[in-house]
ModelCIF file with pLDDT and N, C-alpha, C, O atoms, coordinates in Angstrom:
data_MODEL
#
_entry.id   MODEL 
#
_entity.id                         1 
_entity.type                       polymer 
_entity.pdbx_number_of_molecules   1 
#
_entity_poly.entity_id                      1 
_entity_poly.type                           'polypeptide(L)' 
_entity_poly.nstd_linkage                   no 
_entity_poly.nstd_monomer                   no 
_entity_poly.pdbx_seq_one_letter_code       TGSLTLRSDHPVETRGGNTSTFTRVDFPTPFPDGSEVVILAQVQTF 
_entity_poly.pdbx_seq_one_letter_code_can   TGSLTLRSDHPVETRGGNTSTFTRVDFPTPFPDGSEVVILAQVQTF 
_entity_poly.pdbx_strand_id                 A 
#
loop_
_entity_poly_seq.entity_id 
_entity_poly_seq.num 
_entity_poly_seq.mon_id 
_entity_poly_seq.hetero 
1 1  THR n 
1 2  GLY n 
1 3  SER n 
1 4  LEU n 
1 5  THR n 
1 6  LEU n 
1 7  ARG n 
1 8  SER n 
1 9  ASP n 
1 10 HIS n 
1 11 PRO n 
1 12 VAL n 
1 13 GLU n 
1 14 THR n 
1 15 ARG n 
1 16 GLY n 
1 17 GLY n 
1 18 ASN n 
1 19 THR n 
1 20 SER n 
1 21 THR n 
1 22 PHE n 
1 23 THR n 
1 24 ARG n 
1 25 VAL n 
1 26 ASP n 
1 27 PHE n 
1 28 PRO n 
1 29 THR n 
1 30 PRO n 
1 31 PHE n 
1 32 PRO n 
1 33 ASP n 
1 34 GLY n 
1 35 SER n 
1 36 GLU n 
1 37 VAL n 
1 38 VAL n 
1 39 ILE n 
1 40 LEU n 
1 41 ALA n 
1 42 GLN n 
1 43 VAL n 
1 44 GLN n 
1 45 THR n 
1 46 PHE n 
#
_struct_asym.id          A 
_struct_asym.entity_id   1 
#
loop_
_ma_qa_metric.id 
_ma_qa_metric.mode 
_ma_qa_metric.name 
_ma_qa_metric.software_group_id 
_ma_qa_metric.type 
1 global pLDDT . pLDDT 
2 local  pLDDT . pLDDT 
#
_ma_qa_metric_global.metric_id      1 
_ma_qa_metric_global.metric_value   91.87 
_ma_qa_metric_global.model_id       1 
_ma_qa_metric_global.ordinal_id     1 
#
loop_
_ma_qa_metric_local.label_asym_id 
_ma_qa_metric_local.label_comp_id 
_ma_qa_metric_local.label_seq_id 
_ma_qa_metric_local.metric_id 
_ma_qa_metric_local.metric_value 
_ma_qa_metric_local.model_id 
_ma_qa_metric_local.ordinal_id 
A THR 1  2 97.00 1 1  
A GLY 2  2 98.00 1 2  
A SER 3  2 97.00 1 3  
A LEU 4  2 97.00 1 4  
A THR 5  2 96.00 1 5  
A LEU 6  2 94.00 1 6  
A ARG 7  2 89.00 1 7  
A SER 8  2 86.00 1 8  
A ASP 9  2 86.00 1 9  
A HIS 10 2 81.00 1 10 
A PRO 11 2 77.00 1 11 
A VAL 12 2 77.00 1 12 
A GLU 13 2 74.00 1 13 
A THR 14 2 72.00 1 14 
A ARG 15 2 75.00 1 15 
A GLY 16 2 81.00 1 16 
A GLY 17 2 86.00 1 17 
A ASN 18 2 88.00 1 18 
A THR 19 2 92.00 1 19 
A SER 20 2 91.00 1 20 
A THR 21 2 90.00 1 21 
A PHE 22 2 94.00 1 22 
A THR 23 2 96.00 1 23 
A ARG 24 2 98.00 1 24 
A VAL 25 2 98.00 1 25 
A ASP 26 2 98.00 1 26 
A PHE 27 2 97.00 1 27 
A PRO 28 2 96.00 1 28 
A THR 29 2 96.00 1 29 
A PRO 30 2 97.00 1 30 
A PHE 31 2 97.00 1 31 
A PRO 32 2 96.00 1 32 
A ASP 33 2 94.00 1 33 
A GLY 34 2 93.00 1 34 
A SER 35 2 95.00 1 35 
A GLU 36 2 96.00 1 36 
A VAL 37 2 98.00 1 37 
A VAL 38 2 98.00 1 38 
A ILE 39 2 98.00 1 39 
A LEU 40 2 98.00 1 40 
A ALA 41 2 98.00 1 41 
A GLN 42 2 97.00 1 42 
A VAL 43 2 94.00 1 43 
A GLN 44 2 95.00 1 44 
A THR 45 2 94.00 1 45 
A PHE 46 2 91.00 1 46 
#
loop_
_atom_site.group_PDB 
_atom_site.id 
_atom_site.type_symbol 
_atom_site.label_atom_id 
_atom_site.label_alt_id 
_atom_site.label_comp_id 
_atom_site.label_asym_id 
_atom_site.label_entity_id 
_atom_site.label_seq_id 
_atom_site.pdbx_PDB_ins_code 
_atom_site.Cartn_x 
_atom_site.Cartn_y 
_atom_site.Cartn_z 
_atom_site.occupancy 
_atom_site.B_iso_or_equiv 
_atom_site.pdbx_formal_charge 
_atom_site.auth_seq_id 
_atom_site.auth_comp_id 
_atom_site.auth_asym_id 
_atom_site.auth_atom_id 
_atom_site.pdbx_PDB_model_num 
ATOM 1   N N  . THR A 1 1  ? 0.848   -1.138  0.029   1.00 97.00 ? 1  THR A N  1 
ATOM 2   C CA . THR A 1 1  ? -0.014  0.014   0.046   1.00 97.00 ? 1  THR A CA 1 
ATOM 3   C C  . THR A 1 1  ? 0.887   1.327   -0.049  1.00 97.00 ? 1  THR A C  1 
ATOM 4   O O  . THR A 1 1  ? 2.107   1.326   0.118   1.00 97.00 ? 1  THR A O  1 
ATOM 5   N N  . GLY A 1 2  ? 0.189   2.333   -0.313  1.00 98.00 ? 2  GLY A N  1 
ATOM 6   C CA . GLY A 1 2  ? 0.995   3.643   -0.387  1.00 98.00 ? 2  GLY A CA 1 
ATOM 7   C C  . GLY A 1 2  ? 0.085   4.821   -0.551  1.00 98.00 ? 2  GLY A C  1 
ATOM 8   O O  . GLY A 1 2  ? -1.128  4.652   -0.670  1.00 98.00 ? 2  GLY A O  1 
ATOM 9   N N  . SER A 1 3  ? 0.584   5.905   -0.561  1.00 97.00 ? 3  SER A N  1 
ATOM 10  C CA . SER A 1 3  ? -0.075  7.152   -1.007  1.00 97.00 ? 3  SER A CA 1 
ATOM 11  C C  . SER A 1 3  ? 0.734   8.195   -1.636  1.00 97.00 ? 3  SER A C  1 
ATOM 12  O O  . SER A 1 3  ? 1.952   8.142   -1.464  1.00 97.00 ? 3  SER A O  1 
ATOM 13  N N  . LEU A 1 4  ? 0.259   9.086   -2.304  1.00 97.00 ? 4  LEU A N  1 
ATOM 14  C CA . LEU A 1 4  ? 0.926   10.091  -2.989  1.00 97.00 ? 4  LEU A CA 1 
ATOM 15  C C  . LEU A 1 4  ? -0.037  11.361  -3.283  1.00 97.00 ? 4  LEU A C  1 
ATOM 16  O O  . LEU A 1 4  ? -1.267  11.312  -3.243  1.00 97.00 ? 4  LEU A O  1 
ATOM 17  N N  . THR A 1 5  ? 0.664   12.398  -3.558  1.00 96.00 ? 5  THR A N  1 
ATOM 18  C CA . THR A 1 5  ? -0.079  13.691  -3.861  1.00 96.00 ? 5  THR A CA 1 
ATOM 19  C C  . THR A 1 5  ? 0.053   13.728  -5.277  1.00 96.00 ? 5  THR A C  1 
ATOM 20  O O  . THR A 1 5  ? 1.117   13.545  -5.870  1.00 96.00 ? 5  THR A O  1 
ATOM 21  N N  . LEU A 1 6  ? -1.242  14.010  -5.905  1.00 94.00 ? 6  LEU A N  1 
ATOM 22  C CA . LEU A 1 6  ? -1.408  14.102  -7.362  1.00 94.00 ? 6  LEU A CA 1 
ATOM 23  C C  . LEU A 1 6  ? -2.017  15.605  -7.659  1.00 94.00 ? 6  LEU A C  1 
ATOM 24  O O  . LEU A 1 6  ? -2.775  16.136  -6.848  1.00 94.00 ? 6  LEU A O  1 
ATOM 25  N N  . ARG A 1 7  ? -1.661  16.190  -8.775  1.00 89.00 ? 7  ARG A N  1 
ATOM 26  C CA . ARG A 1 7  ? -2.510  17.321  -9.300  1.00 89.00 ? 7  ARG A CA 1 
ATOM 27  C C  . ARG A 1 7  ? -2.478  17.062  -10.856 1.00 89.00 ? 7  ARG A C  1 
ATOM 28  O O  . ARG A 1 7  ? -1.781  16.263  -11.482 1.00 89.00 ? 7  ARG A O  1 
ATOM 29  N N  . SER A 1 8  ? -3.336  17.872  -11.264 1.00 86.00 ? 8  SER A N  1 
ATOM 30  C CA . SER A 1 8  ? -3.365  17.896  -12.870 1.00 86.00 ? 8  SER A CA 1 
ATOM 31  C C  . SER A 1 8  ? -3.177  19.393  -13.343 1.00 86.00 ? 8  SER A C  1 
ATOM 32  O O  . SER A 1 8  ? -3.890  20.314  -12.943 1.00 86.00 ? 8  SER A O  1 
ATOM 33  N N  . ASP A 1 9  ? -2.165  19.527  -14.217 1.00 86.00 ? 9  ASP A N  1 
ATOM 34  C CA . ASP A 1 9  ? -2.054  20.807  -14.941 1.00 86.00 ? 9  ASP A CA 1 
ATOM 35  C C  . ASP A 1 9  ? -2.292  20.619  -16.386 1.00 86.00 ? 9  ASP A C  1 
ATOM 36  O O  . ASP A 1 9  ? -1.908  21.460  -17.198 1.00 86.00 ? 9  ASP A O  1 
ATOM 37  N N  . HIS A 1 10 ? -2.933  19.504  -16.743 1.00 81.00 ? 10 HIS A N  1 
ATOM 38  C CA . HIS A 1 10 ? -3.163  19.175  -18.244 1.00 81.00 ? 10 HIS A CA 1 
ATOM 39  C C  . HIS A 1 10 ? -4.613  19.040  -18.472 1.00 81.00 ? 10 HIS A C  1 
ATOM 40  O O  . HIS A 1 10 ? -5.384  18.680  -17.582 1.00 81.00 ? 10 HIS A O  1 
ATOM 41  N N  . PRO A 1 11 ? -4.975  19.332  -19.670 1.00 77.00 ? 11 PRO A N  1 
ATOM 42  C CA . PRO A 1 11 ? -6.322  19.105  -20.177 1.00 77.00 ? 11 PRO A CA 1 
ATOM 43  C C  . PRO A 1 11 ? -6.948  17.660  -19.779 1.00 77.00 ? 11 PRO A C  1 
ATOM 44  O O  . PRO A 1 11 ? -6.152  16.780  -19.452 1.00 77.00 ? 11 PRO A O  1 
ATOM 45  N N  . VAL A 1 12 ? -8.229  17.399  -19.793 1.00 77.00 ? 12 VAL A N  1 
ATOM 46  C CA . VAL A 1 12 ? -8.836  16.095  -19.538 1.00 77.00 ? 12 VAL A CA 1 
ATOM 47  C C  . VAL A 1 12 ? -8.239  15.233  -20.815 1.00 77.00 ? 12 VAL A C  1 
ATOM 48  O O  . VAL A 1 12 ? -8.300  15.676  -21.962 1.00 77.00 ? 12 VAL A O  1 
ATOM 49  N N  . GLU A 1 13 ? -7.739  14.138  -20.539 1.00 74.00 ? 13 GLU A N  1 
ATOM 50  C CA . GLU A 1 13 ? -7.480  13.130  -21.629 1.00 74.00 ? 13 GLU A CA 1 
ATOM 51  C C  . GLU A 1 13 ? -8.613  12.263  -21.913 1.00 74.00 ? 13 GLU A C  1 
ATOM 52  O O  . GLU A 1 13 ? -9.150  11.517  -21.094 1.00 74.00 ? 13 GLU A O  1 
ATOM 53  N N  . THR A 1 14 ? -9.005  12.449  -23.390 1.00 72.00 ? 14 THR A N  1 
ATOM 54  C CA . THR A 1 14 ? -10.275 11.773  -23.692 1.00 72.00 ? 14 THR A CA 1 
ATOM 55  C C  . THR A 1 14 ? -9.983  10.712  -24.653 1.00 72.00 ? 14 THR A C  1 
ATOM 56  O O  . THR A 1 14 ? -10.938 10.126  -25.164 1.00 72.00 ? 14 THR A O  1 
ATOM 57  N N  . ARG A 1 15 ? -8.699  10.366  -24.990 1.00 75.00 ? 15 ARG A N  1 
ATOM 58  C CA . ARG A 1 15 ? -8.315  9.361   -25.866 1.00 75.00 ? 15 ARG A CA 1 
ATOM 59  C C  . ARG A 1 15 ? -7.245  8.430   -25.117 1.00 75.00 ? 15 ARG A C  1 
ATOM 60  O O  . ARG A 1 15 ? -6.417  8.952   -24.371 1.00 75.00 ? 15 ARG A O  1 
ATOM 61  N N  . GLY A 1 16 ? -7.272  7.150   -25.309 1.00 81.00 ? 16 GLY A N  1 
ATOM 62  C CA . GLY A 1 16 ? -6.407  6.193   -24.694 1.00 81.00 ? 16 GLY A CA 1 
ATOM 63  C C  . GLY A 1 16 ? -4.955  6.335   -25.407 1.00 81.00 ? 16 GLY A C  1 
ATOM 64  O O  . GLY A 1 16 ? -4.750  6.928   -26.466 1.00 81.00 ? 16 GLY A O  1 
ATOM 65  N N  . GLY A 1 17 ? -4.047  5.709   -24.658 1.00 86.00 ? 17 GLY A N  1 
ATOM 66  C CA . GLY A 1 17 ? -2.714  5.697   -25.198 1.00 86.00 ? 17 GLY A CA 1 
ATOM 67  C C  . GLY A 1 17 ? -1.574  6.654   -24.943 1.00 86.00 ? 17 GLY A C  1 
ATOM 68  O O  . GLY A 1 17 ? -0.382  6.358   -25.024 1.00 86.00 ? 17 GLY A O  1 
ATOM 69  N N  . ASN A 1 18 ? -2.100  7.899   -24.609 1.00 88.00 ? 18 ASN A N  1 
ATOM 70  C CA . ASN A 1 18 ? -1.032  8.913   -24.272 1.00 88.00 ? 18 ASN A CA 1 
ATOM 71  C C  . ASN A 1 18 ? -0.840  8.887   -22.704 1.00 88.00 ? 18 ASN A C  1 
ATOM 72  O O  . ASN A 1 18 ? -1.759  9.267   -21.978 1.00 88.00 ? 18 ASN A O  1 
ATOM 73  N N  . THR A 1 19 ? 0.262   8.474   -22.226 1.00 92.00 ? 19 THR A N  1 
ATOM 74  C CA . THR A 1 19 ? 0.497   8.474   -20.863 1.00 92.00 ? 19 THR A CA 1 
ATOM 75  C C  . THR A 1 19 ? 1.615   9.423   -20.472 1.00 92.00 ? 19 THR A C  1 
ATOM 76  O O  . THR A 1 19 ? 2.289   9.207   -19.464 1.00 92.00 ? 19 THR A O  1 
ATOM 77  N N  . SER A 1 20 ? 1.817   10.464  -21.251 1.00 91.00 ? 20 SER A N  1 
ATOM 78  C CA . SER A 1 20 ? 3.031   11.279  -21.012 1.00 91.00 ? 20 SER A CA 1 
ATOM 79  C C  . SER A 1 20 ? 2.629   12.195  -19.872 1.00 91.00 ? 20 SER A C  1 
ATOM 80  O O  . SER A 1 20 ? 3.570   12.719  -19.276 1.00 91.00 ? 20 SER A O  1 
ATOM 81  N N  . THR A 1 21 ? 1.411   12.481  -19.463 1.00 90.00 ? 21 THR A N  1 
ATOM 82  C CA . THR A 1 21 ? 1.218   13.286  -18.373 1.00 90.00 ? 21 THR A CA 1 
ATOM 83  C C  . THR A 1 21 ? 0.842   12.409  -16.980 1.00 90.00 ? 21 THR A C  1 
ATOM 84  O O  . THR A 1 21 ? 0.361   12.919  -15.968 1.00 90.00 ? 21 THR A O  1 
ATOM 85  N N  . PHE A 1 22 ? 1.140   11.097  -17.135 1.00 94.00 ? 22 PHE A N  1 
ATOM 86  C CA . PHE A 1 22 ? 1.031   10.332  -15.887 1.00 94.00 ? 22 PHE A CA 1 
ATOM 87  C C  . PHE A 1 22 ? 2.229   10.362  -14.990 1.00 94.00 ? 22 PHE A C  1 
ATOM 88  O O  . PHE A 1 22 ? 3.333   10.770  -15.353 1.00 94.00 ? 22 PHE A O  1 
ATOM 89  N N  . THR A 1 23 ? 1.940   9.897   -13.769 1.00 96.00 ? 23 THR A N  1 
ATOM 90  C CA . THR A 1 23 ? 2.997   9.982   -12.834 1.00 96.00 ? 23 THR A CA 1 
ATOM 91  C C  . THR A 1 23 ? 3.458   8.505   -12.439 1.00 96.00 ? 23 THR A C  1 
ATOM 92  O O  . THR A 1 23 ? 2.620   7.642   -12.175 1.00 96.00 ? 23 THR A O  1 
ATOM 93  N N  . ARG A 1 24 ? 4.787   8.264   -12.410 1.00 98.00 ? 24 ARG A N  1 
ATOM 94  C CA . ARG A 1 24 ? 5.099   6.745   -12.220 1.00 98.00 ? 24 ARG A CA 1 
ATOM 95  C C  . ARG A 1 24 ? 5.061   6.551   -10.711 1.00 98.00 ? 24 ARG A C  1 
ATOM 96  O O  . ARG A 1 24 ? 5.399   7.470   -9.964  1.00 98.00 ? 24 ARG A O  1 
ATOM 97  N N  . VAL A 1 25 ? 4.694   5.482   -10.293 1.00 98.00 ? 25 VAL A N  1 
ATOM 98  C CA . VAL A 1 25 ? 4.656   4.992   -8.862  1.00 98.00 ? 25 VAL A CA 1 
ATOM 99  C C  . VAL A 1 25 ? 5.574   3.573   -8.920  1.00 98.00 ? 25 VAL A C  1 
ATOM 100 O O  . VAL A 1 25 ? 5.387   2.650   -9.713  1.00 98.00 ? 25 VAL A O  1 
ATOM 101 N N  . ASP A 1 26 ? 6.438   3.628   -8.053  1.00 98.00 ? 26 ASP A N  1 
ATOM 102 C CA . ASP A 1 26 ? 7.464   2.357   -8.088  1.00 98.00 ? 26 ASP A CA 1 
ATOM 103 C C  . ASP A 1 26 ? 6.932   1.714   -6.666  1.00 98.00 ? 26 ASP A C  1 
ATOM 104 O O  . ASP A 1 26 ? 6.707   2.418   -5.682  1.00 98.00 ? 26 ASP A O  1 
ATOM 105 N N  . PHE A 1 27 ? 6.770   0.360   -6.686  1.00 97.00 ? 27 PHE A N  1 
ATOM 106 C CA . PHE A 1 27 ? 6.406   -0.230  -5.326  1.00 97.00 ? 27 PHE A CA 1 
ATOM 107 C C  . PHE A 1 27 ? 7.762   -0.255  -4.545  1.00 97.00 ? 27 PHE A C  1 
ATOM 108 O O  . PHE A 1 27 ? 8.878   -0.337  -5.058  1.00 97.00 ? 27 PHE A O  1 
ATOM 109 N N  . PRO A 1 28 ? 7.473   -0.172  -3.244  1.00 96.00 ? 28 PRO A N  1 
ATOM 110 C CA . PRO A 1 28 ? 8.681   -0.215  -2.234  1.00 96.00 ? 28 PRO A CA 1 
ATOM 111 C C  . PRO A 1 28 ? 9.527   -1.385  -2.494  1.00 96.00 ? 28 PRO A C  1 
ATOM 112 O O  . PRO A 1 28 ? 10.753  -1.310  -2.568  1.00 96.00 ? 28 PRO A O  1 
ATOM 113 N N  . THR A 1 29 ? 8.831   -2.503  -2.637  1.00 96.00 ? 29 THR A N  1 
ATOM 114 C CA . THR A 1 29 ? 9.386   -3.862  -3.001  1.00 96.00 ? 29 THR A CA 1 
ATOM 115 C C  . THR A 1 29 ? 8.869   -4.423  -4.221  1.00 96.00 ? 29 THR A C  1 
ATOM 116 O O  . THR A 1 29 ? 7.690   -4.777  -4.191  1.00 96.00 ? 29 THR A O  1 
ATOM 117 N N  . PRO A 1 30 ? 9.549   -4.582  -5.340  1.00 97.00 ? 30 PRO A N  1 
ATOM 118 C CA . PRO A 1 30 ? 8.906   -5.204  -6.514  1.00 97.00 ? 30 PRO A CA 1 
ATOM 119 C C  . PRO A 1 30 ? 8.301   -6.613  -6.353  1.00 97.00 ? 30 PRO A C  1 
ATOM 120 O O  . PRO A 1 30 ? 8.842   -7.466  -5.650  1.00 97.00 ? 30 PRO A O  1 
ATOM 121 N N  . PHE A 1 31 ? 7.245   -6.808  -6.981  1.00 97.00 ? 31 PHE A N  1 
ATOM 122 C CA . PHE A 1 31 ? 6.566   -8.090  -6.904  1.00 97.00 ? 31 PHE A CA 1 
ATOM 123 C C  . PHE A 1 31 ? 7.381   -9.003  -7.761  1.00 97.00 ? 31 PHE A C  1 
ATOM 124 O O  . PHE A 1 31 ? 8.041   -8.564  -8.702  1.00 97.00 ? 31 PHE A O  1 
ATOM 125 N N  . PRO A 1 32 ? 7.337   -10.364 -7.421  1.00 96.00 ? 32 PRO A N  1 
ATOM 126 C CA . PRO A 1 32 ? 8.115   -11.233 -8.270  1.00 96.00 ? 32 PRO A CA 1 
ATOM 127 C C  . PRO A 1 32 ? 7.917   -11.253 -9.604  1.00 96.00 ? 32 PRO A C  1 
ATOM 128 O O  . PRO A 1 32 ? 6.767   -10.999 -9.963  1.00 96.00 ? 32 PRO A O  1 
ATOM 129 N N  . ASP A 1 33 ? 8.833   -11.516 -10.560 1.00 94.00 ? 33 ASP A N  1 
ATOM 130 C CA . ASP A 1 33 ? 8.632   -11.361 -11.989 1.00 94.00 ? 33 ASP A CA 1 
ATOM 131 C C  . ASP A 1 33 ? 7.578   -12.470 -12.393 1.00 94.00 ? 33 ASP A C  1 
ATOM 132 O O  . ASP A 1 33 ? 7.567   -13.605 -11.916 1.00 94.00 ? 33 ASP A O  1 
ATOM 133 N N  . GLY A 1 34 ? 6.708   -11.992 -13.321 1.00 93.00 ? 34 GLY A N  1 
ATOM 134 C CA . GLY A 1 34 ? 5.532   -12.783 -13.818 1.00 93.00 ? 34 GLY A CA 1 
ATOM 135 C C  . GLY A 1 34 ? 4.403   -12.714 -12.934 1.00 93.00 ? 34 GLY A C  1 
ATOM 136 O O  . GLY A 1 34 ? 3.438   -13.456 -13.118 1.00 93.00 ? 34 GLY A O  1 
ATOM 137 N N  . SER A 1 35 ? 4.443   -11.822 -11.916 1.00 95.00 ? 35 SER A N  1 
ATOM 138 C CA . SER A 1 35 ? 3.098   -11.608 -11.017 1.00 95.00 ? 35 SER A CA 1 
ATOM 139 C C  . SER A 1 35 ? 2.211   -10.913 -11.735 1.00 95.00 ? 35 SER A C  1 
ATOM 140 O O  . SER A 1 35 ? 2.613   -10.071 -12.538 1.00 95.00 ? 35 SER A O  1 
ATOM 141 N N  . GLU A 1 36 ? 0.868   -11.160 -11.555 1.00 96.00 ? 36 GLU A N  1 
ATOM 142 C CA . GLU A 1 36 ? -0.308  -10.403 -12.064 1.00 96.00 ? 36 GLU A CA 1 
ATOM 143 C C  . GLU A 1 36 ? -0.691  -9.439  -10.960 1.00 96.00 ? 36 GLU A C  1 
ATOM 144 O O  . GLU A 1 36 ? -1.149  -9.948  -9.937  1.00 96.00 ? 36 GLU A O  1 
ATOM 145 N N  . VAL A 1 37 ? -0.572  -8.129  -11.015 1.00 98.00 ? 37 VAL A N  1 
ATOM 146 C CA . VAL A 1 37 ? -0.711  -7.164  -10.089 1.00 98.00 ? 37 VAL A CA 1 
ATOM 147 C C  . VAL A 1 37 ? -2.026  -6.486  -10.353 1.00 98.00 ? 37 VAL A C  1 
ATOM 148 O O  . VAL A 1 37 ? -2.342  -6.187  -11.504 1.00 98.00 ? 37 VAL A O  1 
ATOM 149 N N  . VAL A 1 38 ? -2.815  -6.230  -9.306  1.00 98.00 ? 38 VAL A N  1 
ATOM 150 C CA . VAL A 1 38 ? -4.097  -5.443  -9.483  1.00 98.00 ? 38 VAL A CA 1 
ATOM 151 C C  . VAL A 1 38 ? -3.961  -4.256  -8.610  1.00 98.00 ? 38 VAL A C  1 
ATOM 152 O O  . VAL A 1 38 ? -3.631  -4.410  -7.435  1.00 98.00 ? 38 VAL A O  1 
ATOM 153 N N  . ILE A 1 39 ? -4.202  -3.039  -9.120  1.00 98.00 ? 39 ILE A N  1 
ATOM 154 C CA . ILE A 1 39 ? -4.195  -1.711  -8.382  1.00 98.00 ? 39 ILE A CA 1 
ATOM 155 C C  . ILE A 1 39 ? -5.606  -1.129  -8.045  1.00 98.00 ? 39 ILE A C  1 
ATOM 156 O O  . ILE A 1 39 ? -6.445  -1.041  -8.941  1.00 98.00 ? 39 ILE A O  1 
ATOM 157 N N  . LEU A 1 40 ? -5.879  -0.730  -6.771  1.00 98.00 ? 40 LEU A N  1 
ATOM 158 C CA . LEU A 1 40 ? -6.937  -0.030  -6.328  1.00 98.00 ? 40 LEU A CA 1 
ATOM 159 C C  . LEU A 1 40 ? -6.496  1.263   -5.840  1.00 98.00 ? 40 LEU A C  1 
ATOM 160 O O  . LEU A 1 40 ? -5.588  1.393   -5.019  1.00 98.00 ? 40 LEU A O  1 
ATOM 161 N N  . ALA A 1 41 ? -7.182  2.262   -6.379  1.00 98.00 ? 41 ALA A N  1 
ATOM 162 C CA . ALA A 1 41 ? -6.732  3.598   -5.923  1.00 98.00 ? 41 ALA A CA 1 
ATOM 163 C C  . ALA A 1 41 ? -7.959  4.500   -5.723  1.00 98.00 ? 41 ALA A C  1 
ATOM 164 O O  . ALA A 1 41 ? -8.981  4.393   -6.401  1.00 98.00 ? 41 ALA A O  1 
ATOM 165 N N  . GLN A 1 42 ? -7.786  5.361   -4.781  1.00 97.00 ? 42 GLN A N  1 
ATOM 166 C CA . GLN A 1 42 ? -8.898  6.333   -4.395  1.00 97.00 ? 42 GLN A CA 1 
ATOM 167 C C  . GLN A 1 42 ? -8.385  7.560   -3.948  1.00 97.00 ? 42 GLN A C  1 
ATOM 168 O O  . GLN A 1 42 ? -7.348  7.603   -3.286  1.00 97.00 ? 42 GLN A O  1 
ATOM 169 N N  . VAL A 1 43 ? -9.081  8.650   -4.283  1.00 94.00 ? 43 VAL A N  1 
ATOM 170 C CA . VAL A 1 43 ? -8.787  9.945   -3.781  1.00 94.00 ? 43 VAL A CA 1 
ATOM 171 C C  . VAL A 1 43 ? -9.311  9.995   -2.327  1.00 94.00 ? 43 VAL A C  1 
ATOM 172 O O  . VAL A 1 43 ? -10.385 9.490   -2.000  1.00 94.00 ? 43 VAL A O  1 
ATOM 173 N N  . GLN A 1 44 ? -8.452  10.664  -1.446  1.00 95.00 ? 44 GLN A N  1 
ATOM 174 C CA . GLN A 1 44 ? -8.540  10.578  -0.144  1.00 95.00 ? 44 GLN A CA 1 
ATOM 175 C C  . GLN A 1 44 ? -8.881  11.978  0.479   1.00 95.00 ? 44 GLN A C  1 
ATOM 176 O O  . GLN A 1 44 ? -9.074  12.093  1.689   1.00 95.00 ? 44 GLN A O  1 
ATOM 177 N N  . THR A 1 45 ? -8.947  13.007  -0.363  1.00 94.00 ? 45 THR A N  1 
ATOM 178 C CA . THR A 1 45 ? -9.199  14.370  0.045   1.00 94.00 ? 45 THR A CA 1 
ATOM 179 C C  . THR A 1 45 ? -10.229 14.891  -0.894  1.00 94.00 ? 45 THR A C  1 
ATOM 180 O O  . THR A 1 45 ? -10.651 14.266  -1.867  1.00 94.00 ? 45 THR A O  1 
ATOM 181 N N  . PHE A 1 46 ? -10.636 16.190  -0.497  1.00 91.00 ? 46 PHE A N  1 
ATOM 182 C CA . PHE A 1 46 ? -11.684 16.948  -1.351  1.00 91.00 ? 46 PHE A CA 1 
ATOM 183 C C  . PHE A 1 46 ? -11.312 18.307  -1.606  1.00 91.00 ? 46 PHE A C  1 
ATOM 184 O O  . PHE A 1 46 ? -12.049 19.034  -2.273  1.00 91.00 ? 46 PHE A O  1 
#
């Protein structure tokens, strides 16, 4: 688990494929190679 602060200074992305405005999150400890990983994320503030 983890948390981070995000903001958006970019227009709404309406088409898939362009990840240039995304933020990279590295796991504190990588999962084993070949693992199928599922992410659940939720905004914690308002």
